[in-house]
N, C-alpha and C. Protein backbone atom coordinates (compact mmCIF):
# COMPACT_ATOMS: atom_id res chain seq x y z
N UNK A 1 -9.58 -7.58 -13.95
CA UNK A 1 -9.24 -6.57 -12.98
C UNK A 1 -10.37 -6.39 -11.96
N UNK A 2 -11.60 -6.27 -12.47
CA UNK A 2 -12.75 -6.12 -11.56
C UNK A 2 -12.90 -7.37 -10.70
N UNK A 3 -12.59 -8.54 -11.29
CA UNK A 3 -12.67 -9.78 -10.53
C UNK A 3 -11.66 -9.79 -9.39
N UNK A 4 -10.45 -9.31 -9.65
CA UNK A 4 -9.42 -9.26 -8.62
C UNK A 4 -9.82 -8.30 -7.50
N UNK A 5 -10.36 -7.15 -7.88
CA UNK A 5 -10.80 -6.18 -6.86
C UNK A 5 -11.92 -6.76 -6.02
N UNK A 6 -12.85 -7.46 -6.65
CA UNK A 6 -13.96 -8.09 -5.90
C UNK A 6 -13.42 -9.18 -4.98
N UNK A 7 -12.49 -9.98 -5.48
CA UNK A 7 -11.90 -11.05 -4.66
C UNK A 7 -11.12 -10.44 -3.49
N UNK A 8 -10.43 -9.32 -3.74
CA UNK A 8 -9.68 -8.65 -2.69
C UNK A 8 -10.62 -8.13 -1.60
N UNK A 9 -11.70 -7.47 -2.01
CA UNK A 9 -12.67 -6.94 -1.04
C UNK A 9 -13.30 -8.08 -0.23
N UNK A 10 -13.59 -9.20 -0.90
CA UNK A 10 -14.15 -10.36 -0.19
C UNK A 10 -13.13 -10.92 0.80
N UNK A 11 -11.86 -10.96 0.40
CA UNK A 11 -10.81 -11.47 1.29
C UNK A 11 -10.64 -10.55 2.50
N UNK A 12 -10.75 -9.24 2.29
CA UNK A 12 -10.66 -8.30 3.41
C UNK A 12 -11.78 -8.58 4.40
N UNK A 13 -12.99 -8.79 3.88
CA UNK A 13 -14.12 -9.11 4.76
C UNK A 13 -13.89 -10.44 5.46
N UNK A 14 -13.39 -11.44 4.74
CA UNK A 14 -13.15 -12.76 5.32
C UNK A 14 -12.04 -12.72 6.37
N UNK A 15 -11.09 -11.81 6.22
CA UNK A 15 -9.97 -11.74 7.16
C UNK A 15 -10.45 -11.37 8.57
N UNK A 16 -11.59 -10.73 8.65
CA UNK A 16 -12.13 -10.34 9.96
C UNK A 16 -12.88 -11.49 10.64
N UNK A 17 -13.10 -12.57 9.90
CA UNK A 17 -13.89 -13.69 10.42
C UNK A 17 -13.14 -15.02 10.41
N UNK A 18 -11.82 -14.96 10.51
CA UNK A 18 -11.03 -16.20 10.53
C UNK A 18 -11.34 -16.98 11.81
N UNK A 19 -11.37 -18.30 11.70
CA UNK A 19 -11.72 -19.12 12.86
C UNK A 19 -10.63 -19.09 13.93
N UNK A 20 -9.38 -18.97 13.52
CA UNK A 20 -8.27 -18.88 14.47
C UNK A 20 -7.45 -17.63 14.18
N UNK A 21 -6.92 -17.03 15.24
CA UNK A 21 -6.06 -15.86 15.06
C UNK A 21 -4.70 -16.34 14.53
N UNK A 22 -4.27 -15.78 13.39
CA UNK A 22 -2.96 -16.18 12.84
C UNK A 22 -1.82 -15.76 13.76
N UNK A 23 -0.66 -16.39 13.58
CA UNK A 23 0.51 -16.00 14.37
C UNK A 23 0.97 -14.59 13.94
N UNK A 24 1.84 -14.02 14.74
CA UNK A 24 2.26 -12.63 14.50
C UNK A 24 2.91 -12.43 13.14
N UNK A 25 3.72 -13.38 12.70
CA UNK A 25 4.38 -13.25 11.39
C UNK A 25 3.34 -13.21 10.27
N UNK A 26 2.31 -14.05 10.39
CA UNK A 26 1.26 -14.07 9.38
C UNK A 26 0.44 -12.78 9.43
N UNK A 27 0.17 -12.29 10.64
CA UNK A 27 -0.55 -11.03 10.78
C UNK A 27 0.22 -9.88 10.13
N UNK A 28 1.54 -9.87 10.30
CA UNK A 28 2.35 -8.84 9.66
C UNK A 28 2.29 -8.94 8.15
N UNK A 29 2.29 -10.16 7.64
CA UNK A 29 2.20 -10.36 6.18
C UNK A 29 0.86 -9.87 5.66
N UNK A 30 -0.22 -10.20 6.39
CA UNK A 30 -1.56 -9.74 6.01
C UNK A 30 -1.59 -8.21 5.97
N UNK A 31 -1.07 -7.60 7.03
CA UNK A 31 -1.03 -6.14 7.11
C UNK A 31 -0.25 -5.54 5.94
N UNK A 32 0.94 -6.06 5.72
CA UNK A 32 1.82 -5.51 4.68
C UNK A 32 1.20 -5.65 3.29
N UNK A 33 0.63 -6.81 3.01
CA UNK A 33 0.00 -7.01 1.70
C UNK A 33 -1.19 -6.08 1.52
N UNK A 34 -1.97 -5.90 2.59
CA UNK A 34 -3.12 -4.99 2.51
C UNK A 34 -2.65 -3.57 2.22
N UNK A 35 -1.64 -3.11 2.96
CA UNK A 35 -1.14 -1.75 2.78
C UNK A 35 -0.55 -1.56 1.38
N UNK A 36 0.20 -2.56 0.90
CA UNK A 36 0.80 -2.46 -0.43
C UNK A 36 -0.29 -2.43 -1.50
N UNK A 37 -1.33 -3.25 -1.33
CA UNK A 37 -2.42 -3.32 -2.31
C UNK A 37 -3.26 -2.04 -2.30
N UNK A 38 -3.45 -1.46 -1.13
CA UNK A 38 -4.35 -0.31 -1.04
C UNK A 38 -3.63 1.04 -1.12
N UNK A 39 -2.38 1.11 -0.67
CA UNK A 39 -1.69 2.40 -0.63
C UNK A 39 -0.43 2.46 -1.50
N UNK A 40 0.04 1.32 -1.98
CA UNK A 40 1.27 1.31 -2.77
C UNK A 40 2.51 1.28 -1.90
N UNK A 41 3.64 1.67 -2.47
CA UNK A 41 4.91 1.62 -1.75
C UNK A 41 4.88 2.48 -0.49
N UNK A 42 5.56 2.00 0.53
CA UNK A 42 5.63 2.69 1.81
C UNK A 42 6.45 3.97 1.66
N UNK A 43 5.81 5.11 1.97
CA UNK A 43 6.51 6.40 1.95
C UNK A 43 6.50 7.03 3.33
N UNK A 44 5.98 6.29 4.31
CA UNK A 44 5.90 6.81 5.68
C UNK A 44 7.27 6.79 6.34
N UNK A 45 7.42 7.68 7.33
CA UNK A 45 8.66 7.72 8.11
C UNK A 45 8.68 6.52 9.05
N UNK A 46 9.87 5.91 9.19
CA UNK A 46 10.01 4.75 10.07
C UNK A 46 9.79 5.16 11.53
N UNK A 47 8.93 4.43 12.25
CA UNK A 47 8.68 4.76 13.67
C UNK A 47 9.96 4.62 14.50
N UNK A 48 9.96 5.30 15.64
CA UNK A 48 11.12 5.28 16.53
C UNK A 48 11.26 3.94 17.25
N UNK A 49 12.38 3.79 17.96
CA UNK A 49 12.68 2.54 18.66
C UNK A 49 11.66 2.20 19.73
N UNK A 50 10.99 3.19 20.28
CA UNK A 50 10.01 2.93 21.33
C UNK A 50 8.74 2.27 20.83
N UNK A 51 8.50 2.36 19.53
CA UNK A 51 7.28 1.79 18.93
C UNK A 51 7.65 0.50 18.19
N UNK A 52 7.82 -0.58 18.94
CA UNK A 52 8.28 -1.83 18.34
C UNK A 52 7.25 -2.43 17.38
N UNK A 53 5.96 -2.34 17.73
CA UNK A 53 4.91 -2.86 16.85
C UNK A 53 4.86 -2.05 15.56
N UNK A 54 4.91 -0.73 15.71
CA UNK A 54 4.90 0.13 14.53
C UNK A 54 6.09 -0.12 13.62
N UNK A 55 7.25 -0.35 14.22
CA UNK A 55 8.45 -0.64 13.42
C UNK A 55 8.32 -1.97 12.69
N UNK A 56 7.77 -2.97 13.35
CA UNK A 56 7.59 -4.28 12.71
C UNK A 56 6.63 -4.16 11.53
N UNK A 57 5.55 -3.42 11.71
CA UNK A 57 4.59 -3.22 10.63
C UNK A 57 5.22 -2.44 9.49
N UNK A 58 5.99 -1.39 9.82
CA UNK A 58 6.65 -0.58 8.81
C UNK A 58 7.63 -1.43 8.00
N UNK A 59 8.43 -2.24 8.71
CA UNK A 59 9.42 -3.10 8.04
C UNK A 59 8.73 -4.10 7.11
N UNK A 60 7.63 -4.71 7.59
CA UNK A 60 6.92 -5.71 6.78
C UNK A 60 6.39 -5.06 5.50
N UNK A 61 5.81 -3.88 5.63
CA UNK A 61 5.28 -3.18 4.46
C UNK A 61 6.41 -2.73 3.56
N UNK A 62 7.48 -2.19 4.13
CA UNK A 62 8.60 -1.68 3.34
C UNK A 62 9.28 -2.79 2.55
N UNK A 63 9.25 -4.03 3.06
CA UNK A 63 9.85 -5.16 2.34
C UNK A 63 9.12 -5.50 1.05
N UNK A 64 7.91 -5.00 0.90
CA UNK A 64 7.13 -5.25 -0.32
C UNK A 64 7.29 -4.14 -1.35
N UNK A 65 8.17 -3.18 -1.08
CA UNK A 65 8.37 -2.05 -2.00
C UNK A 65 8.66 -2.58 -3.40
N UNK A 66 7.95 -2.02 -4.38
CA UNK A 66 8.12 -2.43 -5.76
C UNK A 66 7.12 -3.49 -6.21
N UNK A 67 6.41 -4.09 -5.27
CA UNK A 67 5.37 -5.07 -5.62
C UNK A 67 4.16 -4.30 -6.16
N UNK A 68 3.65 -4.74 -7.30
CA UNK A 68 2.50 -4.03 -7.87
C UNK A 68 1.26 -4.24 -7.01
N UNK A 69 0.32 -3.32 -7.12
CA UNK A 69 -0.92 -3.42 -6.37
C UNK A 69 -1.67 -4.70 -6.68
N UNK A 70 -1.70 -5.07 -7.97
CA UNK A 70 -2.40 -6.29 -8.36
C UNK A 70 -1.74 -7.53 -7.79
N UNK A 71 -0.41 -7.56 -7.80
CA UNK A 71 0.31 -8.70 -7.22
C UNK A 71 0.03 -8.80 -5.73
N UNK A 72 0.05 -7.66 -5.05
CA UNK A 72 -0.21 -7.65 -3.61
C UNK A 72 -1.64 -8.11 -3.32
N UNK A 73 -2.60 -7.66 -4.14
CA UNK A 73 -3.98 -8.09 -3.96
C UNK A 73 -4.11 -9.60 -4.12
N UNK A 74 -3.47 -10.14 -5.17
CA UNK A 74 -3.56 -11.59 -5.40
C UNK A 74 -2.93 -12.37 -4.27
N UNK A 75 -1.77 -11.93 -3.80
CA UNK A 75 -1.11 -12.60 -2.67
C UNK A 75 -1.97 -12.53 -1.42
N UNK A 76 -2.62 -11.40 -1.21
CA UNK A 76 -3.51 -11.22 -0.05
C UNK A 76 -4.68 -12.21 -0.14
N UNK A 77 -5.31 -12.26 -1.31
CA UNK A 77 -6.44 -13.17 -1.52
C UNK A 77 -6.02 -14.61 -1.27
N UNK A 78 -4.86 -14.99 -1.82
CA UNK A 78 -4.37 -16.37 -1.65
C UNK A 78 -4.05 -16.67 -0.19
N UNK A 79 -3.45 -15.72 0.52
CA UNK A 79 -3.10 -15.93 1.93
C UNK A 79 -4.35 -16.10 2.79
N UNK A 80 -5.35 -15.23 2.59
CA UNK A 80 -6.58 -15.33 3.38
C UNK A 80 -7.30 -16.63 3.06
N UNK A 81 -7.30 -17.03 1.80
CA UNK A 81 -7.93 -18.29 1.41
C UNK A 81 -7.25 -19.48 2.09
N UNK A 82 -5.92 -19.41 2.22
CA UNK A 82 -5.19 -20.52 2.85
C UNK A 82 -5.46 -20.57 4.35
N UNK A 83 -5.87 -19.47 4.95
CA UNK A 83 -6.14 -19.43 6.40
C UNK A 83 -7.60 -19.76 6.71
N UNK A 84 -8.46 -19.71 5.71
CA UNK A 84 -9.89 -19.95 5.96
C UNK A 84 -10.21 -21.41 6.09
């Protein structure tokens, strides 16, 4: 467990130093996995139609509902490792 948390924290730091900016779909996945790992299931109100970016982020996070924090952390670590 401590190893996963350490790997997650390292991946968060590494995500800020990627050599290339990932495409938007990958950025949404990174965001959603981070939110699921750090905050759990999405309980926020869905943004309005005028906030298209906010809605996309909300949808990406909401699609992970039910994913455990540890699973989200591992997926996040694996995704960042694949982009490095």
